[in-house]
């Protein structure tokens, strides 16, 4: 029921929330603000905030950028 098909895109909301929680956990463990992580990853602050809260269906490229900025392997951010 939480898996949504819209405009040809598949969205797994529970997975996005879990990934966002992992991003936030790693960010806080490294004592980084969202702004600092956004600057390090070259991403927009608002996009990163939406990723952390599971509000956006982001690309794998964004996942890799965040993982690199957090100095973790991308698989560490997956549920």
Protein backbone atom coordinates (compact mmCIF):
# COMPACT_ATOMS: atom_id res chain seq x y z
CA UNK A 1 0.00 0.00 0.00
CA UNK A 2 2.95 2.35 0.54
CA UNK A 3 4.35 1.56 -2.88
CA UNK A 4 3.09 4.08 -5.38
CA UNK A 5 3.21 4.11 -9.18
CA UNK A 6 2.92 7.62 -10.55
CA UNK A 7 3.75 8.91 -14.04
CA UNK A 8 5.73 5.76 -14.75
CA UNK A 9 7.80 6.06 -11.57
CA UNK A 10 7.83 3.55 -8.76
CA UNK A 11 8.00 5.06 -5.29
CA UNK A 12 8.62 2.99 -2.17
CA UNK A 13 7.83 5.53 0.56
CA UNK A 14 8.91 3.29 3.50
CA UNK A 15 12.32 2.73 1.86
CA UNK A 16 12.77 6.47 1.26
CA UNK A 17 12.01 7.15 4.93
CA UNK A 18 14.50 4.48 6.06
CA UNK A 19 17.22 5.88 3.79
CA UNK A 20 16.50 9.39 5.01
CA UNK A 21 16.78 8.25 8.62
CA UNK A 22 20.15 6.65 7.86
CA UNK A 23 21.39 9.82 6.18
CA UNK A 24 20.33 11.85 9.22
CA UNK A 25 21.92 9.36 11.64
CA UNK A 26 25.28 9.46 9.83
CA UNK A 27 25.10 13.24 9.49
CA UNK A 28 24.42 13.74 13.19
CA UNK A 29 27.10 11.21 14.21
CA UNK A 30 29.59 13.33 12.28
CA UNK A 31 28.21 16.49 13.91
CA UNK A 32 27.26 18.03 10.57
CA UNK A 33 24.39 20.41 9.97
CA UNK A 34 22.21 19.92 6.90
CA UNK A 35 23.81 23.07 5.51
CA UNK A 36 27.31 21.67 5.97
CA UNK A 37 26.38 18.37 4.33
CA UNK A 38 24.70 20.23 1.48
CA UNK A 39 27.85 22.29 0.91
CA UNK A 40 30.11 19.23 1.05
CA UNK A 41 27.92 17.22 -1.34
CA UNK A 42 27.25 20.14 -3.70
CA UNK A 43 23.53 19.71 -3.20
CA UNK A 44 20.76 22.13 -2.36
CA UNK A 45 19.86 22.36 1.33
CA UNK A 46 16.14 21.90 0.65
CA UNK A 47 16.72 18.80 -1.50
CA UNK A 48 18.80 17.22 1.25
CA UNK A 49 16.17 18.08 3.87
CA UNK A 50 13.48 16.42 1.72
CA UNK A 51 15.71 13.34 1.32
CA UNK A 52 16.15 13.06 5.09
CA UNK A 53 12.39 13.17 5.64
CA UNK A 54 11.52 10.76 2.81
CA UNK A 55 9.59 13.41 0.91
CA UNK A 56 11.40 13.08 -2.40
CA UNK A 57 12.11 10.17 -4.74
CA UNK A 58 15.77 10.95 -5.49
CA UNK A 59 18.18 9.43 -7.98
CA UNK A 60 20.98 7.01 -7.26
CA UNK A 61 23.40 9.80 -8.19
CA UNK A 62 22.17 11.84 -5.22
CA UNK A 63 22.58 8.82 -2.95
CA UNK A 64 26.20 8.46 -4.08
CA UNK A 65 26.88 12.18 -3.59
CA UNK A 66 25.54 12.07 -0.04
CA UNK A 67 27.45 8.86 0.76
CA UNK A 68 30.69 10.38 -0.51
CA UNK A 69 30.14 13.55 1.53
CA UNK A 70 29.42 11.44 4.63
CA UNK A 71 32.46 9.25 3.88
CA UNK A 72 30.41 6.04 3.93
CA UNK A 73 29.71 3.40 1.30
CA UNK A 74 26.38 3.96 -0.49
CA UNK A 75 25.15 0.54 0.67
CA UNK A 76 25.43 1.82 4.27
CA UNK A 77 22.54 4.18 3.48
CA UNK A 78 20.24 1.48 2.11
CA UNK A 79 17.58 -0.25 4.21
